[in-house]
Amino acid sequence: MLDVDTFLTALYAITDDFYKSRSRKDRPPGPEASLSPSEVVTLAIFARFSRFASERDFYRYAHTQLRGAFPTLPDRSQCNRSVRSHVGLIEKVVALHLAEVLVGIDG
C-alpha cells in the first residue's frame, strides 16, 4: 500500500489533470475559495478510501495530519459544504476518468 503522502500526491495530480482538461464554467460570484476544486475532490475521494467513520472523523484527521499538504484547509463546516458543492465534479472525475481508462484498456 502506498503511504498517505504518495497516494494524495498521485490522486491530486490525476484529479487536477482531469479538471484542467475539461472546459471550465464561469467562476461563481463571491470570494475565492480557500481550496481549489482539485483539492476538494482529492480530499473527498481520499476520505472515502480510508477508514473514516464520518465527515467529522475525516476532518479531525485532515486537520491534524494533512495541514502540510492542505495549509488552507477551512473549518469543518466550510470543508463539508465545499465537498457537497463539488459533487458533480467528483462524479465526473471518478466516472469519466474510469471510463476513459477502461476504454484505453479495452481498445
PDB file of N, CA and C in Angstrom:
ATOM      1  N   MET A   1       0.839  -1.187   0.000  1.00  0.00           N
ATOM      2  CA  MET A   1       0.000   0.000   0.000  1.00  0.00           C
ATOM      3  C   MET A   1       0.877   1.241   0.000  1.00  0.00           C
ATOM      4  N   LEU A   2       0.474   2.235  -0.749  1.00  0.00           N
ATOM      5  CA  LEU A   2       1.194   3.498  -0.801  1.00  0.00           C
ATOM      6  C   LEU A   2       1.060   4.250   0.515  1.00  0.00           C
ATOM      7  N   ASP A   3       2.096   5.028   0.842  1.00  0.00           N
ATOM      8  CA  ASP A   3       1.940   5.882   2.016  1.00  0.00           C
ATOM      9  C   ASP A   3       0.972   7.015   1.673  1.00  0.00           C
ATOM     10  N   VAL A   4       0.452   7.680   2.680  1.00  0.00           N
ATOM     11  CA  VAL A   4      -0.586   8.694   2.506  1.00  0.00           C
ATOM     12  C   VAL A   4      -0.106   9.825   1.602  1.00  0.00           C
ATOM     13  N   ASP A   5       1.109  10.314   1.816  1.00  0.00           N
ATOM     14  CA  ASP A   5       1.606  11.437   1.009  1.00  0.00           C
ATOM     15  C   ASP A   5       1.692  11.078  -0.469  1.00  0.00           C
ATOM     16  N   THR A   6       2.194   9.900  -0.775  1.00  0.00           N
ATOM     17  CA  THR A   6       2.305   9.463  -2.168  1.00  0.00           C
ATOM     18  C   THR A   6       0.927   9.279  -2.784  1.00  0.00           C
ATOM     19  N   PHE A   7       0.009   8.676  -2.036  1.00  0.00           N
ATOM     20  CA  PHE A   7      -1.347   8.475  -2.528  1.00  0.00           C
ATOM     21  C   PHE A   7      -2.028   9.810  -2.808  1.00  0.00           C
ATOM     22  N   LEU A   8      -1.944  10.753  -1.857  1.00  0.00           N
ATOM     23  CA  LEU A   8      -2.573  12.061  -2.043  1.00  0.00           C
ATOM     24  C   LEU A   8      -1.967  12.817  -3.222  1.00  0.00           C
ATOM     25  N   THR A   9      -0.657  12.734  -3.373  1.00  0.00           N
ATOM     26  CA  THR A   9       0.007  13.415  -4.492  1.00  0.00           C
ATOM     27  C   THR A   9      -0.451  12.839  -5.820  1.00  0.00           C
ATOM     28  N   ALA A  10      -0.492  11.524  -5.925  1.00  0.00           N
ATOM     29  CA  ALA A  10      -0.948  10.886  -7.162  1.00  0.00           C
ATOM     30  C   ALA A  10      -2.416  11.204  -7.436  1.00  0.00           C
ATOM     31  N   LEU A  11      -3.235  11.122  -6.417  1.00  0.00           N
ATOM     32  CA  LEU A  11      -4.661  11.412  -6.565  1.00  0.00           C
ATOM     33  C   LEU A  11      -4.876  12.862  -6.987  1.00  0.00           C
ATOM     34  N   TYR A  12      -4.142  13.786  -6.367  1.00  0.00           N
ATOM     35  CA  TYR A  12      -4.268  15.199  -6.737  1.00  0.00           C
ATOM     36  C   TYR A  12      -3.821  15.419  -8.183  1.00  0.00           C
ATOM     37  N   ALA A  13      -2.722  14.820  -8.582  1.00  0.00           N
ATOM     38  CA  ALA A  13      -2.224  15.004  -9.955  1.00  0.00           C
ATOM     39  C   ALA A  13      -3.239  14.496 -10.980  1.00  0.00           C
ATOM     40  N   ILE A  14      -3.812  13.335 -10.733  1.00  0.00           N
ATOM     41  CA  ILE A  14      -4.818  12.779 -11.640  1.00  0.00           C
ATOM     42  C   ILE A  14      -6.044  13.682 -11.686  1.00  0.00           C
ATOM     43  N   THR A  15      -6.499  14.108 -10.519  1.00  0.00           N
ATOM     44  CA  THR A  15      -7.687  14.963 -10.434  1.00  0.00           C
ATOM     45  C   THR A  15      -7.447  16.307 -11.100  1.00  0.00           C
ATOM     46  N   ASP A  16      -6.304  16.921 -10.831  1.00  0.00           N
ATOM     47  CA  ASP A  16      -6.014  18.241 -11.388  1.00  0.00           C
ATOM     48  C   ASP A  16      -5.869  18.175 -12.909  1.00  0.00           C
ATOM     49  N   ASP A  17      -5.190  17.147 -13.404  1.00  0.00           N
ATOM     50  CA  ASP A  17      -5.076  16.972 -14.862  1.00  0.00           C
ATOM     51  C   ASP A  17      -6.455  16.818 -15.490  1.00  0.00           C
ATOM     52  N   PHE A  18      -7.299  16.017 -14.874  1.00  0.00           N
ATOM     53  CA  PHE A  18      -8.649  15.813 -15.388  1.00  0.00           C
ATOM     54  C   PHE A  18      -9.427  17.121 -15.361  1.00  0.00           C
ATOM     55  N   TYR A  19      -9.363  17.832 -14.251  1.00  0.00           N
ATOM     56  CA  TYR A  19     -10.103  19.085 -14.111  1.00  0.00           C
ATOM     57  C   TYR A  19      -9.653  20.109 -15.147  1.00  0.00           C
ATOM     58  N   LYS A  20      -8.350  20.226 -15.341  1.00  0.00           N
ATOM     59  CA  LYS A  20      -7.821  21.207 -16.294  1.00  0.00           C
ATOM     60  C   LYS A  20      -8.097  20.818 -17.737  1.00  0.00           C
ATOM     61  N   SER A  21      -8.329  19.538 -18.000  1.00  0.00           N
ATOM     62  CA  SER A  21      -8.595  19.096 -19.376  1.00  0.00           C
ATOM     63  C   SER A  21     -10.037  19.366 -19.797  1.00  0.00           C
ATOM     64  N   ARG A  22     -10.908  19.662 -18.862  1.00  0.00           N
ATOM     65  CA  ARG A  22     -12.312  19.932 -19.151  1.00  0.00           C
ATOM     66  C   ARG A  22     -12.540  21.432 -19.236  1.00  0.00           C
ATOM     67  N   SER A  23     -13.543  21.819 -19.995  1.00  0.00           N
ATOM     68  CA  SER A  23     -13.841  23.252 -20.088  1.00  0.00           C
ATOM     69  C   SER A  23     -14.398  23.735 -18.749  1.00  0.00           C
ATOM     70  N   ARG A  24     -13.995  24.913 -18.352  1.00  0.00           N
ATOM     71  CA  ARG A  24     -14.448  25.466 -17.072  1.00  0.00           C
ATOM     72  C   ARG A  24     -15.615  26.409 -17.301  1.00  0.00           C
ATOM     73  N   LYS A  25     -16.527  26.378 -16.386  1.00  0.00           N
ATOM     74  CA  LYS A  25     -17.622  27.337 -16.397  1.00  0.00           C
ATOM     75  C   LYS A  25     -17.138  28.597 -15.691  1.00  0.00           C
ATOM     76  N   ASP A  26     -17.883  29.656 -15.839  1.00  0.00           N
ATOM     77  CA  ASP A  26     -17.513  30.899 -15.159  1.00  0.00           C
ATOM     78  C   ASP A  26     -17.411  30.661 -13.667  1.00  0.00           C
ATOM     79  N   ARG A  27     -16.456  31.332 -13.084  1.00  0.00           N
ATOM     80  CA  ARG A  27     -16.268  31.224 -11.638  1.00  0.00           C
ATOM     81  C   ARG A  27     -17.486  31.788 -10.933  1.00  0.00           C
ATOM     82  N   PRO A  28     -17.996  31.093  -9.939  1.00  0.00           N
ATOM     83  CA  PRO A  28     -19.175  31.605  -9.225  1.00  0.00           C
ATOM     84  C   PRO A  28     -18.840  32.903  -8.507  1.00  0.00           C
ATOM     85  N   PRO A  29     -19.849  33.740  -8.283  1.00  0.00           N
ATOM     86  CA  PRO A  29     -19.588  35.002  -7.591  1.00  0.00           C
ATOM     87  C   PRO A  29     -19.174  34.762  -6.145  1.00  0.00           C
ATOM     88  N   GLY A  30     -18.532  35.762  -5.592  1.00  0.00           N
ATOM     89  CA  GLY A  30     -18.121  35.663  -4.202  1.00  0.00           C
ATOM     90  C   GLY A  30     -16.620  35.538  -4.078  1.00  0.00           C
ATOM     91  N   PRO A  31     -16.145  35.486  -2.866  1.00  0.00           N
ATOM     92  CA  PRO A  31     -14.697  35.389  -2.656  1.00  0.00           C
ATOM     93  C   PRO A  31     -14.158  34.047  -3.131  1.00  0.00           C
ATOM     94  N   GLU A  32     -12.883  34.050  -3.464  1.00  0.00           N
ATOM     95  CA  GLU A  32     -12.243  32.819  -3.911  1.00  0.00           C
ATOM     96  C   GLU A  32     -12.197  31.819  -2.754  1.00  0.00           C
ATOM     97  N   ALA A  33     -12.459  30.576  -3.072  1.00  0.00           N
ATOM     98  CA  ALA A  33     -12.471  29.520  -2.052  1.00  0.00           C
ATOM     99  C   ALA A  33     -11.058  29.262  -1.545  1.00  0.00           C
ATOM    100  N   SER A  34     -10.965  28.773  -0.321  1.00  0.00           N
ATOM    101  CA  SER A  34      -9.646  28.509   0.255  1.00  0.00           C
ATOM    102  C   SER A  34      -9.000  27.259  -0.349  1.00  0.00           C
ATOM    103  N   LEU A  35      -9.814  26.347  -0.865  1.00  0.00           N
ATOM    104  CA  LEU A  35      -9.292  25.152  -1.546  1.00  0.00           C
ATOM    105  C   LEU A  35      -9.714  25.188  -3.008  1.00  0.00           C
ATOM    106  N   SER A  36      -8.824  24.748  -3.881  1.00  0.00           N
ATOM    107  CA  SER A  36      -9.168  24.654  -5.298  1.00  0.00           C
ATOM    108  C   SER A  36     -10.130  23.485  -5.504  1.00  0.00           C
ATOM    109  N   PRO A  37     -10.866  23.480  -6.621  1.00  0.00           N
ATOM    110  CA  PRO A  37     -11.733  22.326  -6.891  1.00  0.00           C
ATOM    111  C   PRO A  37     -10.965  21.004  -6.876  1.00  0.00           C
ATOM    112  N   SER A  38      -9.756  21.001  -7.399  1.00  0.00           N
ATOM    113  CA  SER A  38      -8.958  19.767  -7.403  1.00  0.00           C
ATOM    114  C   SER A  38      -8.614  19.313  -5.996  1.00  0.00           C
ATOM    115  N   GLU A  39      -8.344  20.263  -5.101  1.00  0.00           N
ATOM    116  CA  GLU A  39      -8.052  19.908  -3.709  1.00  0.00           C
ATOM    117  C   GLU A  39      -9.294  19.352  -3.019  1.00  0.00           C
ATOM    118  N   VAL A  40     -10.437  19.956  -3.274  1.00  0.00           N
ATOM    119  CA  VAL A  40     -11.690  19.482  -2.672  1.00  0.00           C
ATOM    120  C   VAL A  40     -11.977  18.048  -3.114  1.00  0.00           C
ATOM    121  N   VAL A  41     -11.843  17.800  -4.419  1.00  0.00           N
ATOM    122  CA  VAL A  41     -12.110  16.458  -4.944  1.00  0.00           C
ATOM    123  C   VAL A  41     -11.110  15.459  -4.380  1.00  0.00           C
ATOM    124  N   THR A  42      -9.858  15.836  -4.295  1.00  0.00           N
ATOM    125  CA  THR A  42      -8.829  14.951  -3.740  1.00  0.00           C
ATOM    126  C   THR A  42      -9.178  14.566  -2.302  1.00  0.00           C
ATOM    127  N   LEU A  43      -9.530  15.549  -1.489  1.00  0.00           N
ATOM    128  CA  LEU A  43      -9.889  15.263  -0.097  1.00  0.00           C
ATOM    129  C   LEU A  43     -11.133  14.389  -0.013  1.00  0.00           C
ATOM    130  N   ALA A  44     -12.124  14.668  -0.847  1.00  0.00           N
ATOM    131  CA  ALA A  44     -13.373  13.894  -0.805  1.00  0.00           C
ATOM    132  C   ALA A  44     -13.138  12.435  -1.188  1.00  0.00           C
ATOM    133  N   ILE A  45     -12.351  12.210  -2.221  1.00  0.00           N
ATOM    134  CA  ILE A  45     -12.073  10.834  -2.640  1.00  0.00           C
ATOM    135  C   ILE A  45     -11.226  10.132  -1.589  1.00  0.00           C
ATOM    136  N   PHE A  46     -10.214  10.820  -1.075  1.00  0.00           N
ATOM    137  CA  PHE A  46      -9.373  10.228  -0.034  1.00  0.00           C
ATOM    138  C   PHE A  46     -10.199   9.849   1.198  1.00  0.00           C
ATOM    139  N   ALA A  47     -11.147  10.680   1.555  1.00  0.00           N
ATOM    140  CA  ALA A  47     -11.990  10.400   2.726  1.00  0.00           C
ATOM    141  C   ALA A  47     -12.766   9.103   2.551  1.00  0.00           C
ATOM    142  N   ARG A  48     -13.123   8.759   1.318  1.00  0.00           N
ATOM    143  CA  ARG A  48     -13.892   7.537   1.070  1.00  0.00           C
ATOM    144  C   ARG A  48     -13.001   6.295   0.946  1.00  0.00           C
ATOM    145  N   PHE A  49     -11.708   6.505   0.662  1.00  0.00           N
ATOM    146  CA  PHE A  49     -10.795   5.384   0.511  1.00  0.00           C
ATOM    147  C   PHE A  49     -10.249   4.888   1.837  1.00  0.00           C
ATOM    148  N   SER A  50     -10.398   5.658   2.861  1.00  0.00           N
ATOM    149  CA  SER A  50      -9.771   5.318   4.131  1.00  0.00           C
ATOM    150  C   SER A  50     -10.793   4.878   5.165  1.00  0.00           C
ATOM    151  N   ARG A  51     -10.383   4.798   6.366  1.00  0.00           N
ATOM    152  CA  ARG A  51     -11.124   4.189   7.462  1.00  0.00           C
ATOM    153  C   ARG A  51     -12.057   5.123   8.201  1.00  0.00           C
ATOM    154  N   PHE A  52     -12.378   6.257   7.666  1.00  0.00           N
ATOM    155  CA  PHE A  52     -13.110   7.270   8.418  1.00  0.00           C
ATOM    156  C   PHE A  52     -14.579   6.916   8.567  1.00  0.00           C
ATOM    157  N   ALA A  53     -15.066   7.077   9.791  1.00  0.00           N
ATOM    158  CA  ALA A  53     -16.453   6.705  10.107  1.00  0.00           C
ATOM    159  C   ALA A  53     -17.449   7.801   9.750  1.00  0.00           C
ATOM    160  N   SER A  54     -16.971   9.048   9.655  1.00  0.00           N
ATOM    161  CA  SER A  54     -17.872  10.169   9.400  1.00  0.00           C
ATOM    162  C   SER A  54     -17.081  11.339   8.829  1.00  0.00           C
ATOM    163  N   GLU A  55     -17.813  12.370   8.403  1.00  0.00           N
ATOM    164  CA  GLU A  55     -17.157  13.589   7.938  1.00  0.00           C
ATOM    165  C   GLU A  55     -16.343  14.210   9.072  1.00  0.00           C
ATOM    166  N   ARG A  56     -16.889  14.183  10.267  1.00  0.00           N
ATOM    167  CA  ARG A  56     -16.186  14.747  11.424  1.00  0.00           C
ATOM    168  C   ARG A  56     -14.894  13.991  11.710  1.00  0.00           C
ATOM    169  N   ASP A  57     -14.952  12.680  11.639  1.00  0.00           N
ATOM    170  CA  ASP A  57     -13.762  11.850  11.844  1.00  0.00           C
ATOM    171  C   ASP A  57     -12.699  12.184  10.793  1.00  0.00           C
ATOM    172  N   PHE A  58     -13.102  12.284   9.544  1.00  0.00           N
ATOM    173  CA  PHE A  58     -12.147  12.626   8.494  1.00  0.00           C
ATOM    174  C   PHE A  58     -11.566  14.016   8.717  1.00  0.00           C
ATOM    175  N   TYR A  59     -12.399  14.977   9.063  1.00  0.00           N
ATOM    176  CA  TYR A  59     -11.897  16.335   9.236  1.00  0.00           C
ATOM    177  C   TYR A  59     -10.872  16.405  10.369  1.00  0.00           C
ATOM    178  N   ARG A  60     -11.129  15.689  11.452  1.00  0.00           N
ATOM    179  CA  ARG A  60     -10.143  15.656  12.553  1.00  0.00           C
ATOM    180  C   ARG A  60      -8.799  15.155  12.042  1.00  0.00           C
ATOM    181  N   TYR A  61      -8.839  14.089  11.227  1.00  0.00           N
ATOM    182  CA  TYR A  61      -7.604  13.549  10.652  1.00  0.00           C
ATOM    183  C   TYR A  61      -6.952  14.583   9.732  1.00  0.00           C
ATOM    184  N   ALA A  62      -7.726  15.151   8.828  1.00  0.00           N
ATOM    185  CA  ALA A  62      -7.181  16.122   7.875  1.00  0.00           C
ATOM    186  C   ALA A  62      -6.583  17.317   8.603  1.00  0.00           C
ATOM    187  N   HIS A  63      -7.281  17.789   9.617  1.00  0.00           N
ATOM    188  CA  HIS A  63      -6.828  18.964  10.359  1.00  0.00           C
ATOM    189  C   HIS A  63      -5.508  18.700  11.078  1.00  0.00           C
ATOM    190  N   THR A  64      -5.322  17.517  11.593  1.00  0.00           N
ATOM    191  CA  THR A  64      -4.103  17.215  12.343  1.00  0.00           C
ATOM    192  C   THR A  64      -2.992  16.626  11.485  1.00  0.00           C
ATOM    193  N   GLN A  65      -3.341  15.862  10.453  1.00  0.00           N
ATOM    194  CA  GLN A  65      -2.322  15.130   9.693  1.00  0.00           C
ATOM    195  C   GLN A  65      -2.043  15.673   8.291  1.00  0.00           C
ATOM    196  N   LEU A  66      -2.963  16.429   7.716  1.00  0.00           N
ATOM    197  CA  LEU A  66      -2.805  16.844   6.318  1.00  0.00           C
ATOM    198  C   LEU A  66      -2.607  18.348   6.143  1.00  0.00           C
ATOM    199  N   ARG A  67      -2.363  19.074   7.224  1.00  0.00           N
ATOM    200  CA  ARG A  67      -2.198  20.525   7.117  1.00  0.00           C
ATOM    201  C   ARG A  67      -1.002  20.900   6.259  1.00  0.00           C
ATOM    202  N   GLY A  68       0.028  20.075   6.219  1.00  0.00           N
ATOM    203  CA  GLY A  68       1.181  20.354   5.357  1.00  0.00           C
ATOM    204  C   GLY A  68       0.814  20.318   3.887  1.00  0.00           C
ATOM    205  N   ALA A  69      -0.045  19.393   3.516  1.00  0.00           N
ATOM    206  CA  ALA A  69      -0.470  19.267   2.125  1.00  0.00           C
ATOM    207  C   ALA A  69      -1.603  20.228   1.781  1.00  0.00           C
ATOM    208  N   PHE A  70      -2.416  20.578   2.763  1.00  0.00           N
ATOM    209  CA  PHE A  70      -3.580  21.458   2.557  1.00  0.00           C
ATOM    210  C   PHE A  70      -3.556  22.571   3.610  1.00  0.00           C
ATOM    211  N   PRO A  71      -2.607  23.503   3.481  1.00  0.00           N
ATOM    212  CA  PRO A  71      -2.462  24.532   4.518  1.00  0.00           C
ATOM    213  C   PRO A  71      -3.648  25.488   4.615  1.00  0.00           C
ATOM    214  N   THR A  72      -4.448  25.575   3.572  1.00  0.00           N
ATOM    215  CA  THR A  72      -5.597  26.480   3.596  1.00  0.00           C
ATOM    216  C   THR A  72      -6.898  25.743   3.896  1.00  0.00           C
ATOM    217  N   LEU A  73      -6.790  24.577   4.530  1.00  0.00           N
ATOM    218  CA  LEU A  73      -7.971  23.794   4.885  1.00  0.00           C
ATOM    219  C   LEU A  73      -8.919  24.653   5.721  1.00  0.00           C
ATOM    220  N   PRO A  74     -10.147  24.850   5.256  1.00  0.00           N
ATOM    221  CA  PRO A  74     -11.079  25.692   6.013  1.00  0.00           C
ATOM    222  C   PRO A  74     -11.635  24.945   7.219  1.00  0.00           C
ATOM    223  N   ASP A  75     -12.485  25.609   7.981  1.00  0.00           N
ATOM    224  CA  ASP A  75     -13.103  24.928   9.117  1.00  0.00           C
ATOM    225  C   ASP A  75     -13.984  23.781   8.608  1.00  0.00           C
ATOM    226  N   ARG A  76     -14.378  22.919   9.521  1.00  0.00           N
ATOM    227  CA  ARG A  76     -15.076  21.684   9.153  1.00  0.00           C
ATOM    228  C   ARG A  76     -16.355  21.934   8.366  1.00  0.00           C
ATOM    229  N   SER A  77     -17.181  22.851   8.784  1.00  0.00           N
ATOM    230  CA  SER A  77     -18.447  23.065   8.081  1.00  0.00           C
ATOM    231  C   SER A  77     -18.218  23.598   6.672  1.00  0.00           C
ATOM    232  N   GLN A  78     -17.259  24.487   6.514  1.00  0.00           N
ATOM    233  CA  GLN A  78     -16.953  25.006   5.176  1.00  0.00           C
ATOM    234  C   GLN A  78     -16.357  23.910   4.290  1.00  0.00           C
ATOM    235  N   CYS A  79     -15.529  23.078   4.867  1.00  0.00           N
ATOM    236  CA  CYS A  79     -14.945  21.960   4.111  1.00  0.00           C
ATOM    237  C   CYS A  79     -16.051  21.023   3.625  1.00  0.00           C
ATOM    238  N   ASN A  80     -16.985  20.693   4.497  1.00  0.00           N
ATOM    239  CA  ASN A  80     -18.094  19.816   4.115  1.00  0.00           C
ATOM    240  C   ASN A  80     -18.978  20.462   3.052  1.00  0.00           C
ATOM    241  N   ARG A  81     -19.232  21.761   3.169  1.00  0.00           N
ATOM    242  CA  ARG A  81     -20.014  22.464   2.142  1.00  0.00           C
ATOM    243  C   ARG A  81     -19.291  22.451   0.799  1.00  0.00           C
ATOM    244  N   SER A  82     -17.977  22.611   0.831  1.00  0.00           N
ATOM    245  CA  SER A  82     -17.191  22.583  -0.409  1.00  0.00           C
ATOM    246  C   SER A  82     -17.307  21.224  -1.098  1.00  0.00           C
ATOM    247  N   VAL A  83     -17.217  20.165  -0.317  1.00  0.00           N
ATOM    248  CA  VAL A  83     -17.353  18.820  -0.892  1.00  0.00           C
ATOM    249  C   VAL A  83     -18.735  18.658  -1.504  1.00  0.00           C
ATOM    250  N   ARG A  84     -19.765  19.059  -0.798  1.00  0.00           N
ATOM    251  CA  ARG A  84     -21.134  18.928  -1.323  1.00  0.00           C
ATOM    252  C   ARG A  84     -21.340  19.760  -2.580  1.00  0.00           C
ATOM    253  N   SER A  85     -20.701  20.923  -2.643  1.00  0.00           N
ATOM    254  CA  SER A  85     -20.883  21.780  -3.818  1.00  0.00           C
ATOM    255  C   SER A  85     -20.110  21.264  -5.029  1.00  0.00           C
ATOM    256  N   HIS A  86     -19.190  20.335  -4.818  1.00  0.00           N
ATOM    257  CA  HIS A  86     -18.403  19.780  -5.917  1.00  0.00           C
ATOM    258  C   HIS A  86     -18.778  18.331  -6.247  1.00  0.00           C
ATOM    259  N   VAL A  87     -19.946  17.893  -5.829  1.00  0.00           N
ATOM    260  CA  VAL A  87     -20.361  16.509  -6.068  1.00  0.00           C
ATOM    261  C   VAL A  87     -20.345  16.178  -7.561  1.00  0.00           C
ATOM    262  N   GLY A  88     -20.835  17.090  -8.391  1.00  0.00           N
ATOM    263  CA  GLY A  88     -20.843  16.851  -9.837  1.00  0.00           C
ATOM    264  C   GLY A  88     -19.441  16.635 -10.377  1.00  0.00           C
ATOM    265  N   LEU A  89     -18.494  17.444  -9.937  1.00  0.00           N
ATOM    266  CA  LEU A  89     -17.103  17.283 -10.379  1.00  0.00           C
ATOM    267  C   LEU A  89     -16.523  15.982  -9.855  1.00  0.00           C
ATOM    268  N   ILE A  90     -16.830  15.632  -8.624  1.00  0.00           N
ATOM    269  CA  ILE A  90     -16.337  14.373  -8.055  1.00  0.00           C
ATOM    270  C   ILE A  90     -16.841  13.200  -8.889  1.00  0.00           C
ATOM    271  N   GLU A  91     -18.118  13.219  -9.231  1.00  0.00           N
ATOM    272  CA  GLU A  91     -18.683  12.146 -10.056  1.00  0.00           C
ATOM    273  C   GLU A  91     -18.019  12.097 -11.424  1.00  0.00           C
ATOM    274  N   LYS A  92     -17.777  13.245 -12.017  1.00  0.00           N
ATOM    275  CA  LYS A  92     -17.129  13.279 -13.329  1.00  0.00           C
ATOM    276  C   LYS A  92     -15.710  12.738 -13.249  1.00  0.00           C
ATOM    277  N   VAL A  93     -14.974  13.160 -12.238  1.00  0.00           N
ATOM    278  CA  VAL A  93     -13.592  12.693 -12.103  1.00  0.00           C
ATOM    279  C   VAL A  93     -13.559  11.178 -11.997  1.00  0.00           C
ATOM    280  N   VAL A  94     -14.399  10.644 -11.152  1.00  0.00           N
ATOM    281  CA  VAL A  94     -14.381   9.202 -10.935  1.00  0.00           C
ATOM    282  C   VAL A  94     -14.978   8.462 -12.129  1.00  0.00           C
ATOM    283  N   ALA A  95     -16.187   8.816 -12.513  1.00  0.00           N
ATOM    284  CA  ALA A  95     -16.886   8.067 -13.565  1.00  0.00           C
ATOM    285  C   ALA A  95     -16.253   8.264 -14.938  1.00  0.00           C
ATOM    286  N   LEU A  96     -16.034   9.503 -15.341  1.00  0.00           N
ATOM    287  CA  LEU A  96     -15.496   9.742 -16.680  1.00  0.00           C
ATOM    288  C   LEU A  96     -14.055   9.286 -16.805  1.00  0.00           C
ATOM    289  N   HIS A  97     -13.269   9.543 -15.776  1.00  0.00           N
ATOM    290  CA  HIS A  97     -11.873   9.102 -15.850  1.00  0.00           C
ATOM    291  C   HIS A  97     -11.790   7.580 -15.864  1.00  0.00           C
ATOM    292  N   LEU A  98     -12.598   6.940 -15.055  1.00  0.00           N
ATOM    293  CA  LEU A  98     -12.634   5.485 -15.050  1.00  0.00           C
ATOM    294  C   LEU A  98     -13.046   4.958 -16.425  1.00  0.00           C
ATOM    295  N   ALA A  99     -14.045   5.582 -17.026  1.00  0.00           N
ATOM    296  CA  ALA A  99     -14.480   5.166 -18.361  1.00  0.00           C
ATOM    297  C   ALA A  99     -13.358   5.340 -19.384  1.00  0.00           C
ATOM    298  N   GLU A 100     -12.633   6.456 -19.301  1.00  0.00           N
ATOM    299  CA  GLU A 100     -11.517   6.681 -20.216  1.00  0.00           C
ATOM    300  C   GLU A 100     -10.435   5.622 -20.037  1.00  0.00           C
ATOM    301  N   VAL A 101     -10.152   5.288 -18.801  1.00  0.00           N
ATOM    302  CA  VAL A 101      -9.131   4.260 -18.524  1.00  0.00           C
ATOM    303  C   VAL A 101      -9.592   2.905 -19.059  1.00  0.00           C
ATOM    304  N   LEU A 102     -10.838   2.563 -18.818  1.00  0.00           N
ATOM    305  CA  LEU A 102     -11.363   1.271 -19.279  1.00  0.00           C
ATOM    306  C   LEU A 102     -11.395   1.177 -20.802  1.00  0.00           C
ATOM    307  N   VAL A 103     -11.757   2.274 -21.460  1.00  0.00           N
ATOM    308  CA  VAL A 103     -11.743   2.284 -22.935  1.00  0.00           C
ATOM    309  C   VAL A 103     -10.314   2.103 -23.424  1.00  0.00           C
ATOM    310  N   GLY A 104      -9.369   2.741 -22.749  1.00  0.00           N
ATOM    311  CA  GLY A 104      -7.961   2.592 -23.125  1.00  0.00           C
ATOM    312  C   GLY A 104      -7.472   1.169 -22.959  1.00  0.00           C
ATOM    313  N   ILE A 105      -7.952   0.490 -21.951  1.00  0.00           N
ATOM    314  CA  ILE A 105      -7.565  -0.907 -21.711  1.00  0.00           C
ATOM    315  C   ILE A 105      -8.207  -1.818 -22.746  1.00  0.00           C
ATOM    316  N   ASP A 106      -9.460  -1.552 -23.056  1.00  0.00           N
ATOM    317  CA  ASP A 106     -10.241  -2.409 -23.954  1.00  0.00           C
ATOM    318  C   ASP A 106      -9.896  -2.199 -25.417  1.00  0.00           C
ATOM    319  N   GLY A 107      -9.525  -0.989 -25.766  1.00  0.00           N
ATOM    320  CA  GLY A 107      -9.391  -0.796 -27.181  1.00  0.00           C
ATOM    321  C   GLY A 107      -8.293   0.024 -27.608  1.00  0.00           C
TER     322      GLY A 107
END
